[in-house]
Amino acid sequence: TDGLRPDPGSVLDILATLDARDVGG
C-alpha cells in the first residue's frame, strides 16, 4: 500500500516491517 507501481523489468528490494513486540527490543 506504499503507492509504488514499478514497471515490469525493474529491480527492487522487498522490505518487511514486523511488529516490534514480535521481534523484541
PDBML (XML) file of the C-alpha atoms, coordinates in Angstrom:
<?xml version="1.0" encoding="UTF-8" ?>
<PDBx:datablock datablockName="MODEL"
   xmlns:PDBx="http://pdbml.pdb.org/schema/pdbx-v50.xsd"
   xmlns:xsi="http://www.w3.org/2001/XMLSchema-instance"
   xsi:schemaLocation="http://pdbml.pdb.org/schema/pdbx-v50.xsd pdbx-v50.xsd">
   <PDBx:atom_siteCategory>
      <PDBx:atom_site id="1">
         <PDBx:B_iso_or_equiv>0.00</PDBx:B_iso_or_equiv>
         <PDBx:Cartn_x>0.000</PDBx:Cartn_x>
         <PDBx:Cartn_y>0.000</PDBx:Cartn_y>
         <PDBx:Cartn_z>0.000</PDBx:Cartn_z>
         <PDBx:auth_asym_id>A</PDBx:auth_asym_id>
         <PDBx:auth_atom_id>CA</PDBx:auth_atom_id>
         <PDBx:auth_comp_id>THR</PDBx:auth_comp_id>
         <PDBx:auth_seq_id>1</PDBx:auth_seq_id>
         <PDBx:group_PDB>ATOM</PDBx:group_PDB>
         <PDBx:label_alt_id xsi:nil="true" />
         <PDBx:label_asym_id>A</PDBx:label_asym_id>
         <PDBx:label_atom_id>CA</PDBx:label_atom_id>
         <PDBx:label_comp_id>THR</PDBx:label_comp_id>
         <PDBx:label_entity_id>1</PDBx:label_entity_id>
         <PDBx:label_seq_id>1</PDBx:label_seq_id>
         <PDBx:occupancy>1.00</PDBx:occupancy>
         <PDBx:pdbx_PDB_model_num>1</PDBx:pdbx_PDB_model_num>
         <PDBx:type_symbol>C</PDBx:type_symbol>
      </PDBx:atom_site>
      <PDBx:atom_site id="2">
         <PDBx:B_iso_or_equiv>0.00</PDBx:B_iso_or_equiv>
         <PDBx:Cartn_x>3.042</PDBx:Cartn_x>
         <PDBx:Cartn_y>2.262</PDBx:Cartn_y>
         <PDBx:Cartn_z>-0.351</PDBx:Cartn_z>
         <PDBx:auth_asym_id>A</PDBx:auth_asym_id>
         <PDBx:auth_atom_id>CA</PDBx:auth_atom_id>
         <PDBx:auth_comp_id>ASP</PDBx:auth_comp_id>
         <PDBx:auth_seq_id>2</PDBx:auth_seq_id>
         <PDBx:group_PDB>ATOM</PDBx:group_PDB>
         <PDBx:label_alt_id xsi:nil="true" />
         <PDBx:label_asym_id>A</PDBx:label_asym_id>
         <PDBx:label_atom_id>CA</PDBx:label_atom_id>
         <PDBx:label_comp_id>ASP</PDBx:label_comp_id>
         <PDBx:label_entity_id>1</PDBx:label_entity_id>
         <PDBx:label_seq_id>2</PDBx:label_seq_id>
         <PDBx:occupancy>1.00</PDBx:occupancy>
         <PDBx:pdbx_PDB_model_num>1</PDBx:pdbx_PDB_model_num>
         <PDBx:type_symbol>C</PDBx:type_symbol>
      </PDBx:atom_site>
      <PDBx:atom_site id="3">
         <PDBx:B_iso_or_equiv>0.00</PDBx:B_iso_or_equiv>
         <PDBx:Cartn_x>1.831</PDBx:Cartn_x>
         <PDBx:Cartn_y>3.561</PDBx:Cartn_y>
         <PDBx:Cartn_z>-3.720</PDBx:Cartn_z>
         <PDBx:auth_asym_id>A</PDBx:auth_asym_id>
         <PDBx:auth_atom_id>CA</PDBx:auth_atom_id>
         <PDBx:auth_comp_id>GLY</PDBx:auth_comp_id>
         <PDBx:auth_seq_id>3</PDBx:auth_seq_id>
         <PDBx:group_PDB>ATOM</PDBx:group_PDB>
         <PDBx:label_alt_id xsi:nil="true" />
         <PDBx:label_asym_id>A</PDBx:label_asym_id>
         <PDBx:label_atom_id>CA</PDBx:label_atom_id>
         <PDBx:label_comp_id>GLY</PDBx:label_comp_id>
         <PDBx:label_entity_id>1</PDBx:label_entity_id>
         <PDBx:label_seq_id>3</PDBx:label_seq_id>
         <PDBx:occupancy>1.00</PDBx:occupancy>
         <PDBx:pdbx_PDB_model_num>1</PDBx:pdbx_PDB_model_num>
         <PDBx:type_symbol>C</PDBx:type_symbol>
      </PDBx:atom_site>
      <PDBx:atom_site id="4">
         <PDBx:B_iso_or_equiv>0.00</PDBx:B_iso_or_equiv>
         <PDBx:Cartn_x>4.869</PDBx:Cartn_x>
         <PDBx:Cartn_y>2.411</PDBx:Cartn_y>
         <PDBx:Cartn_z>-5.684</PDBx:Cartn_z>
         <PDBx:auth_asym_id>A</PDBx:auth_asym_id>
         <PDBx:auth_atom_id>CA</PDBx:auth_atom_id>
         <PDBx:auth_comp_id>LEU</PDBx:auth_comp_id>
         <PDBx:auth_seq_id>4</PDBx:auth_seq_id>
         <PDBx:group_PDB>ATOM</PDBx:group_PDB>
         <PDBx:label_alt_id xsi:nil="true" />
         <PDBx:label_asym_id>A</PDBx:label_asym_id>
         <PDBx:label_atom_id>CA</PDBx:label_atom_id>
         <PDBx:label_comp_id>LEU</PDBx:label_comp_id>
         <PDBx:label_entity_id>1</PDBx:label_entity_id>
         <PDBx:label_seq_id>4</PDBx:label_seq_id>
         <PDBx:occupancy>1.00</PDBx:occupancy>
         <PDBx:pdbx_PDB_model_num>1</PDBx:pdbx_PDB_model_num>
         <PDBx:type_symbol>C</PDBx:type_symbol>
      </PDBx:atom_site>
      <PDBx:atom_site id="5">
         <PDBx:B_iso_or_equiv>0.00</PDBx:B_iso_or_equiv>
         <PDBx:Cartn_x>3.939</PDBx:Cartn_x>
         <PDBx:Cartn_y>0.972</PDBx:Cartn_y>
         <PDBx:Cartn_z>-9.085</PDBx:Cartn_z>
         <PDBx:auth_asym_id>A</PDBx:auth_asym_id>
         <PDBx:auth_atom_id>CA</PDBx:auth_atom_id>
         <PDBx:auth_comp_id>ARG</PDBx:auth_comp_id>
         <PDBx:auth_seq_id>5</PDBx:auth_seq_id>
         <PDBx:group_PDB>ATOM</PDBx:group_PDB>
         <PDBx:label_alt_id xsi:nil="true" />
         <PDBx:label_asym_id>A</PDBx:label_asym_id>
         <PDBx:label_atom_id>CA</PDBx:label_atom_id>
         <PDBx:label_comp_id>ARG</PDBx:label_comp_id>
         <PDBx:label_entity_id>1</PDBx:label_entity_id>
         <PDBx:label_seq_id>5</PDBx:label_seq_id>
         <PDBx:occupancy>1.00</PDBx:occupancy>
         <PDBx:pdbx_PDB_model_num>1</PDBx:pdbx_PDB_model_num>
         <PDBx:type_symbol>C</PDBx:type_symbol>
      </PDBx:atom_site>
      <PDBx:atom_site id="6">
         <PDBx:B_iso_or_equiv>0.00</PDBx:B_iso_or_equiv>
         <PDBx:Cartn_x>7.190</PDBx:Cartn_x>
         <PDBx:Cartn_y>-0.241</PDBx:Cartn_y>
         <PDBx:Cartn_z>-10.721</PDBx:Cartn_z>
         <PDBx:auth_asym_id>A</PDBx:auth_asym_id>
         <PDBx:auth_atom_id>CA</PDBx:auth_atom_id>
         <PDBx:auth_comp_id>PRO</PDBx:auth_comp_id>
         <PDBx:auth_seq_id>6</PDBx:auth_seq_id>
         <PDBx:group_PDB>ATOM</PDBx:group_PDB>
         <PDBx:label_alt_id xsi:nil="true" />
         <PDBx:label_asym_id>A</PDBx:label_asym_id>
         <PDBx:label_atom_id>CA</PDBx:label_atom_id>
         <PDBx:label_comp_id>PRO</PDBx:label_comp_id>
         <PDBx:label_entity_id>1</PDBx:label_entity_id>
         <PDBx:label_seq_id>6</PDBx:label_seq_id>
         <PDBx:occupancy>1.00</PDBx:occupancy>
         <PDBx:pdbx_PDB_model_num>1</PDBx:pdbx_PDB_model_num>
         <PDBx:type_symbol>C</PDBx:type_symbol>
      </PDBx:atom_site>
      <PDBx:atom_site id="7">
         <PDBx:B_iso_or_equiv>0.00</PDBx:B_iso_or_equiv>
         <PDBx:Cartn_x>7.476</PDBx:Cartn_x>
         <PDBx:Cartn_y>-1.090</PDBx:Cartn_y>
         <PDBx:Cartn_z>-14.397</PDBx:Cartn_z>
         <PDBx:auth_asym_id>A</PDBx:auth_asym_id>
         <PDBx:auth_atom_id>CA</PDBx:auth_atom_id>
         <PDBx:auth_comp_id>ASP</PDBx:auth_comp_id>
         <PDBx:auth_seq_id>7</PDBx:auth_seq_id>
         <PDBx:group_PDB>ATOM</PDBx:group_PDB>
         <PDBx:label_alt_id xsi:nil="true" />
         <PDBx:label_asym_id>A</PDBx:label_asym_id>
         <PDBx:label_atom_id>CA</PDBx:label_atom_id>
         <PDBx:label_comp_id>ASP</PDBx:label_comp_id>
         <PDBx:label_entity_id>1</PDBx:label_entity_id>
         <PDBx:label_seq_id>7</PDBx:label_seq_id>
         <PDBx:occupancy>1.00</PDBx:occupancy>
         <PDBx:pdbx_PDB_model_num>1</PDBx:pdbx_PDB_model_num>
         <PDBx:type_symbol>C</PDBx:type_symbol>
      </PDBx:atom_site>
      <PDBx:atom_site id="8">
         <PDBx:B_iso_or_equiv>0.00</PDBx:B_iso_or_equiv>
         <PDBx:Cartn_x>7.996</PDBx:Cartn_x>
         <PDBx:Cartn_y>-4.716</PDBx:Cartn_y>
         <PDBx:Cartn_z>-15.486</PDBx:Cartn_z>
         <PDBx:auth_asym_id>A</PDBx:auth_asym_id>
         <PDBx:auth_atom_id>CA</PDBx:auth_atom_id>
         <PDBx:auth_comp_id>PRO</PDBx:auth_comp_id>
         <PDBx:auth_seq_id>8</PDBx:auth_seq_id>
         <PDBx:group_PDB>ATOM</PDBx:group_PDB>
         <PDBx:label_alt_id xsi:nil="true" />
         <PDBx:label_asym_id>A</PDBx:label_asym_id>
         <PDBx:label_atom_id>CA</PDBx:label_atom_id>
         <PDBx:label_comp_id>PRO</PDBx:label_comp_id>
         <PDBx:label_entity_id>1</PDBx:label_entity_id>
         <PDBx:label_seq_id>8</PDBx:label_seq_id>
         <PDBx:occupancy>1.00</PDBx:occupancy>
         <PDBx:pdbx_PDB_model_num>1</PDBx:pdbx_PDB_model_num>
         <PDBx:type_symbol>C</PDBx:type_symbol>
      </PDBx:atom_site>
      <PDBx:atom_site id="9">
         <PDBx:B_iso_or_equiv>0.00</PDBx:B_iso_or_equiv>
         <PDBx:Cartn_x>11.725</PDBx:Cartn_x>
         <PDBx:Cartn_y>-5.320</PDBx:Cartn_y>
         <PDBx:Cartn_z>-15.727</PDBx:Cartn_z>
         <PDBx:auth_asym_id>A</PDBx:auth_asym_id>
         <PDBx:auth_atom_id>CA</PDBx:auth_atom_id>
         <PDBx:auth_comp_id>GLY</PDBx:auth_comp_id>
         <PDBx:auth_seq_id>9</PDBx:auth_seq_id>
         <PDBx:group_PDB>ATOM</PDBx:group_PDB>
         <PDBx:label_alt_id xsi:nil="true" />
         <PDBx:label_asym_id>A</PDBx:label_asym_id>
         <PDBx:label_atom_id>CA</PDBx:label_atom_id>
         <PDBx:label_comp_id>GLY</PDBx:label_comp_id>
         <PDBx:label_entity_id>1</PDBx:label_entity_id>
         <PDBx:label_seq_id>9</PDBx:label_seq_id>
         <PDBx:occupancy>1.00</PDBx:occupancy>
         <PDBx:pdbx_PDB_model_num>1</PDBx:pdbx_PDB_model_num>
         <PDBx:type_symbol>C</PDBx:type_symbol>
      </PDBx:atom_site>
      <PDBx:atom_site id="10">
         <PDBx:B_iso_or_equiv>0.00</PDBx:B_iso_or_equiv>
         <PDBx:Cartn_x>12.529</PDBx:Cartn_x>
         <PDBx:Cartn_y>-3.071</PDBx:Cartn_y>
         <PDBx:Cartn_z>-12.773</PDBx:Cartn_z>
         <PDBx:auth_asym_id>A</PDBx:auth_asym_id>
         <PDBx:auth_atom_id>CA</PDBx:auth_atom_id>
         <PDBx:auth_comp_id>SER</PDBx:auth_comp_id>
         <PDBx:auth_seq_id>10</PDBx:auth_seq_id>
         <PDBx:group_PDB>ATOM</PDBx:group_PDB>
         <PDBx:label_alt_id xsi:nil="true" />
         <PDBx:label_asym_id>A</PDBx:label_asym_id>
         <PDBx:label_atom_id>CA</PDBx:label_atom_id>
         <PDBx:label_comp_id>SER</PDBx:label_comp_id>
         <PDBx:label_entity_id>1</PDBx:label_entity_id>
         <PDBx:label_seq_id>10</PDBx:label_seq_id>
         <PDBx:occupancy>1.00</PDBx:occupancy>
         <PDBx:pdbx_PDB_model_num>1</PDBx:pdbx_PDB_model_num>
         <PDBx:type_symbol>C</PDBx:type_symbol>
      </PDBx:atom_site>
      <PDBx:atom_site id="11">
         <PDBx:B_iso_or_equiv>0.00</PDBx:B_iso_or_equiv>
         <PDBx:Cartn_x>14.722</PDBx:Cartn_x>
         <PDBx:Cartn_y>-4.314</PDBx:Cartn_y>
         <PDBx:Cartn_z>-9.947</PDBx:Cartn_z>
         <PDBx:auth_asym_id>A</PDBx:auth_asym_id>
         <PDBx:auth_atom_id>CA</PDBx:auth_atom_id>
         <PDBx:auth_comp_id>VAL</PDBx:auth_comp_id>
         <PDBx:auth_seq_id>11</PDBx:auth_seq_id>
         <PDBx:group_PDB>ATOM</PDBx:group_PDB>
         <PDBx:label_alt_id xsi:nil="true" />
         <PDBx:label_asym_id>A</PDBx:label_asym_id>
         <PDBx:label_atom_id>CA</PDBx:label_atom_id>
         <PDBx:label_comp_id>VAL</PDBx:label_comp_id>
         <PDBx:label_entity_id>1</PDBx:label_entity_id>
         <PDBx:label_seq_id>11</PDBx:label_seq_id>
         <PDBx:occupancy>1.00</PDBx:occupancy>
         <PDBx:pdbx_PDB_model_num>1</PDBx:pdbx_PDB_model_num>
         <PDBx:type_symbol>C</PDBx:type_symbol>
      </PDBx:atom_site>
      <PDBx:atom_site id="12">
         <PDBx:B_iso_or_equiv>0.00</PDBx:B_iso_or_equiv>
         <PDBx:Cartn_x>13.726</PDBx:Cartn_x>
         <PDBx:Cartn_y>-3.727</PDBx:Cartn_y>
         <PDBx:Cartn_z>-6.343</PDBx:Cartn_z>
         <PDBx:auth_asym_id>A</PDBx:auth_asym_id>
         <PDBx:auth_atom_id>CA</PDBx:auth_atom_id>
         <PDBx:auth_comp_id>LEU</PDBx:auth_comp_id>
         <PDBx:auth_seq_id>12</PDBx:auth_seq_id>
         <PDBx:group_PDB>ATOM</PDBx:group_PDB>
         <PDBx:label_alt_id xsi:nil="true" />
         <PDBx:label_asym_id>A</PDBx:label_asym_id>
         <PDBx:label_atom_id>CA</PDBx:label_atom_id>
         <PDBx:label_comp_id>LEU</PDBx:label_comp_id>
         <PDBx:label_entity_id>1</PDBx:label_entity_id>
         <PDBx:label_seq_id>12</PDBx:label_seq_id>
         <PDBx:occupancy>1.00</PDBx:occupancy>
         <PDBx:pdbx_PDB_model_num>1</PDBx:pdbx_PDB_model_num>
         <PDBx:type_symbol>C</PDBx:type_symbol>
      </PDBx:atom_site>
      <PDBx:atom_site id="13">
         <PDBx:B_iso_or_equiv>0.00</PDBx:B_iso_or_equiv>
         <PDBx:Cartn_x>14.196</PDBx:Cartn_x>
         <PDBx:Cartn_y>-4.749</PDBx:Cartn_y>
         <PDBx:Cartn_z>-2.730</PDBx:Cartn_z>
         <PDBx:auth_asym_id>A</PDBx:auth_asym_id>
         <PDBx:auth_atom_id>CA</PDBx:auth_atom_id>
         <PDBx:auth_comp_id>ASP</PDBx:auth_comp_id>
         <PDBx:auth_seq_id>13</PDBx:auth_seq_id>
         <PDBx:group_PDB>ATOM</PDBx:group_PDB>
         <PDBx:label_alt_id xsi:nil="true" />
         <PDBx:label_asym_id>A</PDBx:label_asym_id>
         <PDBx:label_atom_id>CA</PDBx:label_atom_id>
         <PDBx:label_comp_id>ASP</PDBx:label_comp_id>
         <PDBx:label_entity_id>1</PDBx:label_entity_id>
         <PDBx:label_seq_id>13</PDBx:label_seq_id>
         <PDBx:occupancy>1.00</PDBx:occupancy>
         <PDBx:pdbx_PDB_model_num>1</PDBx:pdbx_PDB_model_num>
         <PDBx:type_symbol>C</PDBx:type_symbol>
      </PDBx:atom_site>
      <PDBx:atom_site id="14">
         <PDBx:B_iso_or_equiv>0.00</PDBx:B_iso_or_equiv>
         <PDBx:Cartn_x>11.295</PDBx:Cartn_x>
         <PDBx:Cartn_y>-6.004</PDBx:Cartn_y>
         <PDBx:Cartn_z>-0.652</PDBx:Cartn_z>
         <PDBx:auth_asym_id>A</PDBx:auth_asym_id>
         <PDBx:auth_atom_id>CA</PDBx:auth_atom_id>
         <PDBx:auth_comp_id>ILE</PDBx:auth_comp_id>
         <PDBx:auth_seq_id>14</PDBx:auth_seq_id>
         <PDBx:group_PDB>ATOM</PDBx:group_PDB>
         <PDBx:label_alt_id xsi:nil="true" />
         <PDBx:label_asym_id>A</PDBx:label_asym_id>
         <PDBx:label_atom_id>CA</PDBx:label_atom_id>
         <PDBx:label_comp_id>ILE</PDBx:label_comp_id>
         <PDBx:label_entity_id>1</PDBx:label_entity_id>
         <PDBx:label_seq_id>14</PDBx:label_seq_id>
         <PDBx:occupancy>1.00</PDBx:occupancy>
         <PDBx:pdbx_PDB_model_num>1</PDBx:pdbx_PDB_model_num>
         <PDBx:type_symbol>C</PDBx:type_symbol>
      </PDBx:atom_site>
      <PDBx:atom_site id="15">
         <PDBx:B_iso_or_equiv>0.00</PDBx:B_iso_or_equiv>
         <PDBx:Cartn_x>11.311</PDBx:Cartn_x>
         <PDBx:Cartn_y>-4.754</PDBx:Cartn_y>
         <PDBx:Cartn_z>2.921</PDBx:Cartn_z>
         <PDBx:auth_asym_id>A</PDBx:auth_asym_id>
         <PDBx:auth_atom_id>CA</PDBx:auth_atom_id>
         <PDBx:auth_comp_id>LEU</PDBx:auth_comp_id>
         <PDBx:auth_seq_id>15</PDBx:auth_seq_id>
         <PDBx:group_PDB>ATOM</PDBx:group_PDB>
         <PDBx:label_alt_id xsi:nil="true" />
         <PDBx:label_asym_id>A</PDBx:label_asym_id>
         <PDBx:label_atom_id>CA</PDBx:label_atom_id>
         <PDBx:label_comp_id>LEU</PDBx:label_comp_id>
         <PDBx:label_entity_id>1</PDBx:label_entity_id>
         <PDBx:label_seq_id>15</PDBx:label_seq_id>
         <PDBx:occupancy>1.00</PDBx:occupancy>
         <PDBx:pdbx_PDB_model_num>1</PDBx:pdbx_PDB_model_num>
         <PDBx:type_symbol>C</PDBx:type_symbol>
      </PDBx:atom_site>
      <PDBx:atom_site id="16">
         <PDBx:B_iso_or_equiv>0.00</PDBx:B_iso_or_equiv>
         <PDBx:Cartn_x>9.202</PDBx:Cartn_x>
         <PDBx:Cartn_y>-6.089</PDBx:Cartn_y>
         <PDBx:Cartn_z>5.761</PDBx:Cartn_z>
         <PDBx:auth_asym_id>A</PDBx:auth_asym_id>
         <PDBx:auth_atom_id>CA</PDBx:auth_atom_id>
         <PDBx:auth_comp_id>ALA</PDBx:auth_comp_id>
         <PDBx:auth_seq_id>16</PDBx:auth_seq_id>
         <PDBx:group_PDB>ATOM</PDBx:group_PDB>
         <PDBx:label_alt_id xsi:nil="true" />
         <PDBx:label_asym_id>A</PDBx:label_asym_id>
         <PDBx:label_atom_id>CA</PDBx:label_atom_id>
         <PDBx:label_comp_id>ALA</PDBx:label_comp_id>
         <PDBx:label_entity_id>1</PDBx:label_entity_id>
         <PDBx:label_seq_id>16</PDBx:label_seq_id>
         <PDBx:occupancy>1.00</PDBx:occupancy>
         <PDBx:pdbx_PDB_model_num>1</PDBx:pdbx_PDB_model_num>
         <PDBx:type_symbol>C</PDBx:type_symbol>
      </PDBx:atom_site>
      <PDBx:atom_site id="17">
         <PDBx:B_iso_or_equiv>0.00</PDBx:B_iso_or_equiv>
         <PDBx:Cartn_x>8.309</PDBx:Cartn_x>
         <PDBx:Cartn_y>-4.171</PDBx:Cartn_y>
         <PDBx:Cartn_z>8.910</PDBx:Cartn_z>
         <PDBx:auth_asym_id>A</PDBx:auth_asym_id>
         <PDBx:auth_atom_id>CA</PDBx:auth_atom_id>
         <PDBx:auth_comp_id>THR</PDBx:auth_comp_id>
         <PDBx:auth_seq_id>17</PDBx:auth_seq_id>
         <PDBx:group_PDB>ATOM</PDBx:group_PDB>
         <PDBx:label_alt_id xsi:nil="true" />
         <PDBx:label_asym_id>A</PDBx:label_asym_id>
         <PDBx:label_atom_id>CA</PDBx:label_atom_id>
         <PDBx:label_comp_id>THR</PDBx:label_comp_id>
         <PDBx:label_entity_id>1</PDBx:label_entity_id>
         <PDBx:label_seq_id>17</PDBx:label_seq_id>
         <PDBx:occupancy>1.00</PDBx:occupancy>
         <PDBx:pdbx_PDB_model_num>1</PDBx:pdbx_PDB_model_num>
         <PDBx:type_symbol>C</PDBx:type_symbol>
      </PDBx:atom_site>
      <PDBx:atom_site id="18">
         <PDBx:B_iso_or_equiv>0.00</PDBx:B_iso_or_equiv>
         <PDBx:Cartn_x>7.311</PDBx:Cartn_x>
         <PDBx:Cartn_y>-6.508</PDBx:Cartn_y>
         <PDBx:Cartn_z>11.716</PDBx:Cartn_z>
         <PDBx:auth_asym_id>A</PDBx:auth_asym_id>
         <PDBx:auth_atom_id>CA</PDBx:auth_atom_id>
         <PDBx:auth_comp_id>LEU</PDBx:auth_comp_id>
         <PDBx:auth_seq_id>18</PDBx:auth_seq_id>
         <PDBx:group_PDB>ATOM</PDBx:group_PDB>
         <PDBx:label_alt_id xsi:nil="true" />
         <PDBx:label_asym_id>A</PDBx:label_asym_id>
         <PDBx:label_atom_id>CA</PDBx:label_atom_id>
         <PDBx:label_comp_id>LEU</PDBx:label_comp_id>
         <PDBx:label_entity_id>1</PDBx:label_entity_id>
         <PDBx:label_seq_id>18</PDBx:label_seq_id>
         <PDBx:occupancy>1.00</PDBx:occupancy>
         <PDBx:pdbx_PDB_model_num>1</PDBx:pdbx_PDB_model_num>
         <PDBx:type_symbol>C</PDBx:type_symbol>
      </PDBx:atom_site>
      <PDBx:atom_site id="19">
         <PDBx:B_iso_or_equiv>0.00</PDBx:B_iso_or_equiv>
         <PDBx:Cartn_x>5.536</PDBx:Cartn_x>
         <PDBx:Cartn_y>-5.774</PDBx:Cartn_y>
         <PDBx:Cartn_z>14.954</PDBx:Cartn_z>
         <PDBx:auth_asym_id>A</PDBx:auth_asym_id>
         <PDBx:auth_atom_id>CA</PDBx:auth_atom_id>
         <PDBx:auth_comp_id>ASP</PDBx:auth_comp_id>
         <PDBx:auth_seq_id>19</PDBx:auth_seq_id>
         <PDBx:group_PDB>ATOM</PDBx:group_PDB>
         <PDBx:label_alt_id xsi:nil="true" />
         <PDBx:label_asym_id>A</PDBx:label_asym_id>
         <PDBx:label_atom_id>CA</PDBx:label_atom_id>
         <PDBx:label_comp_id>ASP</PDBx:label_comp_id>
         <PDBx:label_entity_id>1</PDBx:label_entity_id>
         <PDBx:label_seq_id>19</PDBx:label_seq_id>
         <PDBx:occupancy>1.00</PDBx:occupancy>
         <PDBx:pdbx_PDB_model_num>1</PDBx:pdbx_PDB_model_num>
         <PDBx:type_symbol>C</PDBx:type_symbol>
      </PDBx:atom_site>
      <PDBx:atom_site id="20">
         <PDBx:B_iso_or_equiv>0.00</PDBx:B_iso_or_equiv>
         <PDBx:Cartn_x>8.144</PDBx:Cartn_x>
         <PDBx:Cartn_y>-4.657</PDBx:Cartn_y>
         <PDBx:Cartn_z>17.477</PDBx:Cartn_z>
         <PDBx:auth_asym_id>A</PDBx:auth_asym_id>
         <PDBx:auth_atom_id>CA</PDBx:auth_atom_id>
         <PDBx:auth_comp_id>ALA</PDBx:auth_comp_id>
         <PDBx:auth_seq_id>20</PDBx:auth_seq_id>
         <PDBx:group_PDB>ATOM</PDBx:group_PDB>
         <PDBx:label_alt_id xsi:nil="true" />
         <PDBx:label_asym_id>A</PDBx:label_asym_id>
         <PDBx:label_atom_id>CA</PDBx:label_atom_id>
         <PDBx:label_comp_id>ALA</PDBx:label_comp_id>
         <PDBx:label_entity_id>1</PDBx:label_entity_id>
         <PDBx:label_seq_id>20</PDBx:label_seq_id>
         <PDBx:occupancy>1.00</PDBx:occupancy>
         <PDBx:pdbx_PDB_model_num>1</PDBx:pdbx_PDB_model_num>
         <PDBx:type_symbol>C</PDBx:type_symbol>
      </PDBx:atom_site>
      <PDBx:atom_site id="21">
         <PDBx:B_iso_or_equiv>0.00</PDBx:B_iso_or_equiv>
         <PDBx:Cartn_x>6.525</PDBx:Cartn_x>
         <PDBx:Cartn_y>-6.933</PDBx:Cartn_y>
         <PDBx:Cartn_z>20.046</PDBx:Cartn_z>
         <PDBx:auth_asym_id>A</PDBx:auth_asym_id>
         <PDBx:auth_atom_id>CA</PDBx:auth_atom_id>
         <PDBx:auth_comp_id>ARG</PDBx:auth_comp_id>
         <PDBx:auth_seq_id>21</PDBx:auth_seq_id>
         <PDBx:group_PDB>ATOM</PDBx:group_PDB>
         <PDBx:label_alt_id xsi:nil="true" />
         <PDBx:label_asym_id>A</PDBx:label_asym_id>
         <PDBx:label_atom_id>CA</PDBx:label_atom_id>
         <PDBx:label_comp_id>ARG</PDBx:label_comp_id>
         <PDBx:label_entity_id>1</PDBx:label_entity_id>
         <PDBx:label_seq_id>21</PDBx:label_seq_id>
         <PDBx:occupancy>1.00</PDBx:occupancy>
         <PDBx:pdbx_PDB_model_num>1</PDBx:pdbx_PDB_model_num>
         <PDBx:type_symbol>C</PDBx:type_symbol>
      </PDBx:atom_site>
      <PDBx:atom_site id="22">
         <PDBx:B_iso_or_equiv>0.00</PDBx:B_iso_or_equiv>
         <PDBx:Cartn_x>7.271</PDBx:Cartn_x>
         <PDBx:Cartn_y>-9.940</PDBx:Cartn_y>
         <PDBx:Cartn_z>17.858</PDBx:Cartn_z>
         <PDBx:auth_asym_id>A</PDBx:auth_asym_id>
         <PDBx:auth_atom_id>CA</PDBx:auth_atom_id>
         <PDBx:auth_comp_id>ASP</PDBx:auth_comp_id>
         <PDBx:auth_seq_id>22</PDBx:auth_seq_id>
         <PDBx:group_PDB>ATOM</PDBx:group_PDB>
         <PDBx:label_alt_id xsi:nil="true" />
         <PDBx:label_asym_id>A</PDBx:label_asym_id>
         <PDBx:label_atom_id>CA</PDBx:label_atom_id>
         <PDBx:label_comp_id>ASP</PDBx:label_comp_id>
         <PDBx:label_entity_id>1</PDBx:label_entity_id>
         <PDBx:label_seq_id>22</PDBx:label_seq_id>
         <PDBx:occupancy>1.00</PDBx:occupancy>
         <PDBx:pdbx_PDB_model_num>1</PDBx:pdbx_PDB_model_num>
         <PDBx:type_symbol>C</PDBx:type_symbol>
      </PDBx:atom_site>
      <PDBx:atom_site id="23">
         <PDBx:B_iso_or_equiv>0.00</PDBx:B_iso_or_equiv>
         <PDBx:Cartn_x>10.943</PDBx:Cartn_x>
         <PDBx:Cartn_y>-9.213</PDBx:Cartn_y>
         <PDBx:Cartn_z>17.207</PDBx:Cartn_z>
         <PDBx:auth_asym_id>A</PDBx:auth_asym_id>
         <PDBx:auth_atom_id>CA</PDBx:auth_atom_id>
         <PDBx:auth_comp_id>VAL</PDBx:auth_comp_id>
         <PDBx:auth_seq_id>23</PDBx:auth_seq_id>
         <PDBx:group_PDB>ATOM</PDBx:group_PDB>
         <PDBx:label_alt_id xsi:nil="true" />
         <PDBx:label_asym_id>A</PDBx:label_asym_id>
         <PDBx:label_atom_id>CA</PDBx:label_atom_id>
         <PDBx:label_comp_id>VAL</PDBx:label_comp_id>
         <PDBx:label_entity_id>1</PDBx:label_entity_id>
         <PDBx:label_seq_id>23</PDBx:label_seq_id>
         <PDBx:occupancy>1.00</PDBx:occupancy>
         <PDBx:pdbx_PDB_model_num>1</PDBx:pdbx_PDB_model_num>
         <PDBx:type_symbol>C</PDBx:type_symbol>
      </PDBx:atom_site>
      <PDBx:atom_site id="24">
         <PDBx:B_iso_or_equiv>0.00</PDBx:B_iso_or_equiv>
         <PDBx:Cartn_x>11.929</PDBx:Cartn_x>
         <PDBx:Cartn_y>-7.825</PDBx:Cartn_y>
         <PDBx:Cartn_z>20.596</PDBx:Cartn_z>
         <PDBx:auth_asym_id>A</PDBx:auth_asym_id>
         <PDBx:auth_atom_id>CA</PDBx:auth_atom_id>
         <PDBx:auth_comp_id>GLY</PDBx:auth_comp_id>
         <PDBx:auth_seq_id>24</PDBx:auth_seq_id>
         <PDBx:group_PDB>ATOM</PDBx:group_PDB>
         <PDBx:label_alt_id xsi:nil="true" />
         <PDBx:label_asym_id>A</PDBx:label_asym_id>
         <PDBx:label_atom_id>CA</PDBx:label_atom_id>
         <PDBx:label_comp_id>GLY</PDBx:label_comp_id>
         <PDBx:label_entity_id>1</PDBx:label_entity_id>
         <PDBx:label_seq_id>24</PDBx:label_seq_id>
         <PDBx:occupancy>1.00</PDBx:occupancy>
         <PDBx:pdbx_PDB_model_num>1</PDBx:pdbx_PDB_model_num>
         <PDBx:type_symbol>C</PDBx:type_symbol>
      </PDBx:atom_site>
      <PDBx:atom_site id="25">
         <PDBx:B_iso_or_equiv>0.00</PDBx:B_iso_or_equiv>
         <PDBx:Cartn_x>13.664</PDBx:Cartn_x>
         <PDBx:Cartn_y>-4.605</PDBx:Cartn_y>
         <PDBx:Cartn_z>21.509</PDBx:Cartn_z>
         <PDBx:auth_asym_id>A</PDBx:auth_asym_id>
         <PDBx:auth_atom_id>CA</PDBx:auth_atom_id>
         <PDBx:auth_comp_id>GLY</PDBx:auth_comp_id>
         <PDBx:auth_seq_id>25</PDBx:auth_seq_id>
         <PDBx:group_PDB>ATOM</PDBx:group_PDB>
         <PDBx:label_alt_id xsi:nil="true" />
         <PDBx:label_asym_id>A</PDBx:label_asym_id>
         <PDBx:label_atom_id>CA</PDBx:label_atom_id>
         <PDBx:label_comp_id>GLY</PDBx:label_comp_id>
         <PDBx:label_entity_id>1</PDBx:label_entity_id>
         <PDBx:label_seq_id>25</PDBx:label_seq_id>
         <PDBx:occupancy>1.00</PDBx:occupancy>
         <PDBx:pdbx_PDB_model_num>1</PDBx:pdbx_PDB_model_num>
         <PDBx:type_symbol>C</PDBx:type_symbol>
      </PDBx:atom_site>
   </PDBx:atom_siteCategory>
</PDBx:datablock>
